[in-house]
Amino acid sequence: MFNAKVYITLKNGILDPQGKAVKGALQSLGYDEVNDVRIGKFIELQLNTGQREVAEERIKEMCEKLLANLVIEDYQYQLEEVAS
């Protein structure tokens, strides 16, 4: 069994109004050192397979078919084998 942590972020050059709003809010609270904020998504999944290659292939498929919008988003993932 594998745990997968998937990180989805906006591609460089894509406007991030949510990140801009959070940056403004942080600065209004006195965190003037905040230079930029980019907002993304974090997804955890458990995959019931014993083969790392299968888990990687399935995660890539899920990201490319559903979890990420590849026009505007990039994704990364980490796999960790866990005892079932």
Foldseek 3Di string as FASTA:
>chain_A
DKKKKKKKWWDPPDDAVVFVVVLVVCVVVPPVVDDTGTDIDIDIDDDPDPDPVVVVVVVVVCCPPPVDDVVTMDMDMDMDDDDD
